[in-house]
Amino acid sequence: MASLNKVFLLGNLTRSPELRYTPGGAAVCEFGLAVNRRYITNNQEKEETCFINIVVWGKQGESCQRFLEKGSTALVEGRLQYDQWDDRDTGKKRSTLRVVAERIQFIGGVRRDDGQGDYQTPSQAGYQASPGNYQTPPRGASQPPAGNPPGRGNDGFPEMPNDAFEVSDDVEDDIPF
């Protein structure tokens, strides 16, 4: 039997992320996400909101606590998790359905480290688009960033030699097919 448990959610945080650590030292971050749905019924536009609890583990959870706050927009990719337990006070069975996030993408601005509450684009906050020292140019930039080291192209990666695909006649091809 085949099965799939995958969730994609885009919404706004209903509360600032709460970070804690397990006794083993693993970081776990929890926050709420509100996802809106608009629909039309009887020629009247309506909106419903779904409130979802999100759990994020590890470094990604630490990043959420550092850069997100109540009202921030986030794209969450993860899986559903159903938990059951007996209530200590009443003895009744309790349950919850939440999303365990595997990836979180910060949409829009991110909180500044100085705690002023101002927002920056991810590139202003120092996020890198790819490994290495290449950083995404700001949107709308018509020219490549200045100051690339010699031998590097406008995108910051090494330039390809002009003769990279030239084959001379005296080279023997050793590919066996």
Protein backbone atom coordinates (compact mmCIF):
# COMPACT_ATOMS: atom_id res chain seq x y z
CA MET A 1 0.00 0.00 0.00
CA ALA A 2 1.37 3.39 -1.00
CA SER A 3 1.06 6.45 1.20
CA LEU A 4 2.16 10.07 1.21
CA ASN A 5 2.22 12.58 4.05
CA LYS A 6 3.28 15.98 2.67
CA VAL A 7 1.95 19.46 3.50
CA PHE A 8 2.66 22.87 1.97
CA LEU A 9 1.31 25.91 3.83
CA LEU A 10 1.69 29.64 3.21
CA GLY A 11 0.47 31.89 5.98
CA ASN A 12 1.24 34.33 8.76
CA LEU A 13 2.54 33.53 12.23
CA THR A 14 -0.12 33.90 14.94
CA ARG A 15 2.50 34.03 17.69
CA SER A 16 6.24 34.53 17.87
CA PRO A 17 8.30 31.32 17.71
CA GLU A 18 9.10 29.70 21.06
CA LEU A 19 12.47 27.94 21.16
CA ARG A 20 13.43 25.32 23.74
CA TYR A 21 15.91 22.48 23.96
CA THR A 22 15.38 18.81 24.75
CA PRO A 23 17.43 17.22 27.56
CA GLY A 24 19.63 15.79 24.80
CA GLY A 25 20.37 19.30 23.48
CA ALA A 26 18.19 19.26 20.35
CA ALA A 27 16.53 22.57 19.47
CA VAL A 28 12.75 22.52 18.98
CA CYS A 29 10.77 25.58 17.94
CA GLU A 30 6.98 25.93 17.95
CA PHE A 31 4.70 28.61 16.52
CA GLY A 32 1.20 29.01 15.13
CA LEU A 33 0.38 29.69 11.49
CA ALA A 34 -2.85 31.16 10.12
CA VAL A 35 -3.78 30.15 6.57
CA ASN A 36 -6.68 31.95 4.86
CA ARG A 37 -9.00 30.55 2.22
CA ARG A 38 -11.30 32.74 0.15
CA TYR A 39 -14.29 31.30 -1.64
CA ILE A 40 -17.60 32.38 -3.15
CA THR A 41 -20.95 30.96 -2.14
CA ASN A 42 -24.36 32.38 -3.09
CA ASN A 43 -22.57 35.18 -5.00
CA GLN A 44 -20.97 36.30 -1.74
CA GLU A 45 -17.24 36.23 -1.08
CA LYS A 46 -16.32 34.56 2.20
CA GLU A 47 -13.09 33.86 3.98
CA GLU A 48 -12.17 31.15 6.45
CA THR A 49 -9.00 30.90 8.49
CA CYS A 50 -7.31 27.69 9.56
CA PHE A 51 -4.96 27.85 12.55
CA ILE A 52 -2.16 25.28 12.53
CA ASN A 53 0.54 24.47 15.09
CA ILE A 54 4.01 24.10 13.54
CA VAL A 55 7.03 22.33 15.06
CA VAL A 56 10.55 22.87 13.67
CA TRP A 57 13.62 20.94 14.85
CA GLY A 58 17.35 21.71 14.84
CA LYS A 59 19.17 24.67 13.30
CA GLN A 60 16.14 25.52 11.20
CA GLY A 61 14.14 25.99 14.41
CA GLU A 62 16.83 28.27 15.80
CA SER A 63 16.68 30.33 12.59
CA CYS A 64 12.89 30.61 12.86
CA GLN A 65 13.19 31.94 16.40
CA ARG A 66 15.86 34.38 15.32
CA PHE A 67 14.25 35.81 12.18
CA LEU A 68 10.48 35.32 12.48
CA GLU A 69 7.94 36.99 14.72
CA LYS A 70 4.18 37.28 15.05
CA GLY A 71 2.74 38.44 11.71
CA SER A 72 5.69 37.23 9.58
CA THR A 73 4.82 35.35 6.40
CA ALA A 74 6.33 31.88 5.97
CA LEU A 75 6.09 28.98 3.54
CA VAL A 76 6.15 25.69 5.44
CA GLU A 77 6.83 22.28 3.90
CA GLY A 78 6.38 19.33 6.19
CA ARG A 79 4.28 16.39 7.33
CA LEU A 80 1.23 15.89 9.52
CA GLN A 81 1.72 14.36 12.98
CA TYR A 82 -1.12 13.14 15.20
CA ASP A 83 -0.46 12.91 18.95
CA GLN A 84 -2.69 11.40 21.69
CA TRP A 85 -2.31 11.50 25.47
CA ASP A 86 -4.30 11.29 28.70
CA ASP A 87 -4.99 14.64 30.36
CA ARG A 88 -3.31 14.75 33.82
CA ASP A 89 -6.11 16.75 35.43
CA THR A 90 -9.24 15.18 33.93
CA GLY A 91 -7.95 11.79 32.83
CA LYS A 92 -9.68 12.25 29.46
CA LYS A 93 -8.02 11.38 26.16
CA ARG A 94 -6.64 14.42 24.36
CA SER A 95 -5.24 14.70 20.85
CA THR A 96 -3.73 17.21 18.46
CA LEU A 97 -2.83 17.34 14.79
CA ARG A 98 0.16 19.49 13.90
CA VAL A 99 2.71 19.98 11.14
CA VAL A 100 6.32 18.94 11.65
CA ALA A 101 8.21 21.28 9.33
CA GLU A 102 10.97 19.91 7.13
CA ARG A 103 11.66 23.21 5.34
CA ILE A 104 10.67 26.80 6.09
CA GLN A 105 11.10 29.68 3.69
CA PHE A 106 10.87 33.23 5.03
CA ILE A 107 8.67 35.28 2.71
CA GLY A 108 8.95 39.06 2.58
CA GLY A 109 11.09 40.75 5.19
CA VAL A 110 12.82 39.21 8.16
CA ARG A 111 13.32 40.62 11.65
CA ARG A 112 16.53 42.51 12.18
CA ASP A 113 19.02 41.19 14.70
CA ASP A 114 19.08 44.47 16.62
CA GLY A 115 15.51 43.88 17.80
CA GLN A 116 14.13 47.14 16.36
CA GLY A 117 11.36 45.28 14.54
CA ASP A 118 12.33 46.77 11.18
CA TYR A 119 12.21 44.45 8.19
CA GLN A 120 14.86 43.73 5.62
CA THR A 121 14.86 41.66 2.50
CA PRO A 122 16.64 38.31 2.94
CA SER A 123 19.65 39.58 0.92
CA GLN A 124 19.94 42.64 3.17
CA ALA A 125 19.93 40.33 6.18
CA GLY A 126 22.92 38.42 4.78
CA TYR A 127 21.27 35.33 3.31
CA GLN A 128 23.22 33.69 0.52
CA ALA A 129 21.54 32.15 -2.48
CA SER A 130 24.13 29.42 -2.91
CA PRO A 131 27.23 28.03 -1.20
CA GLY A 132 30.38 30.06 -1.40
CA ASN A 133 30.72 33.81 -1.42
CA TYR A 134 28.16 34.53 -4.13
CA GLN A 135 25.26 36.67 -2.94
CA THR A 136 22.06 37.33 -4.88
CA PRO A 137 21.95 40.88 -6.31
CA PRO A 138 19.03 43.05 -5.18
CA ARG A 139 15.86 42.87 -7.25
CA GLY A 140 15.78 45.32 -10.10
CA ALA A 141 19.56 45.57 -10.29
CA SER A 142 20.41 46.21 -13.91
CA GLN A 143 24.15 45.68 -13.56
CA PRO A 144 26.07 42.82 -11.98
CA PRO A 145 27.72 43.51 -8.63
CA ALA A 146 31.05 45.27 -8.97
CA GLY A 147 34.32 44.00 -7.65
CA ASN A 148 34.33 40.36 -8.76
CA PRO A 149 37.77 38.82 -8.41
CA PRO A 150 39.78 38.25 -11.60
CA GLY A 151 38.79 35.09 -13.44
CA ARG A 152 35.22 35.25 -12.16
CA GLY A 153 32.17 36.00 -14.28
CA ASN A 154 29.44 38.55 -13.58
CA ASP A 155 27.61 35.95 -11.50
CA GLY A 156 30.60 35.44 -9.20
CA PHE A 157 31.41 31.94 -10.47
CA PRO A 158 34.62 31.07 -12.34
CA GLU A 159 34.57 31.90 -16.05
CA MET A 160 34.65 29.00 -18.50
CA PRO A 161 37.76 28.95 -20.71
CA ASN A 162 37.11 29.76 -24.39
CA ASP A 163 38.64 26.46 -25.53
CA ALA A 164 36.83 24.26 -22.99
CA PHE A 165 35.03 22.20 -25.63
CA GLU A 166 37.62 22.22 -28.41
CA VAL A 167 39.09 18.81 -29.27
CA SER A 168 42.35 18.55 -31.15
CA ASP A 169 42.88 15.86 -33.80
CA ASP A 170 45.79 14.21 -31.97
CA VAL A 171 43.71 13.34 -28.86
CA GLU A 172 42.65 9.74 -28.65
CA ASP A 173 39.14 9.09 -27.40
CA ASP A 174 39.27 6.46 -24.64
CA ILE A 175 35.52 6.19 -24.03
CA PRO A 176 34.66 2.50 -24.70
CA PHE A 177 31.38 3.02 -26.57
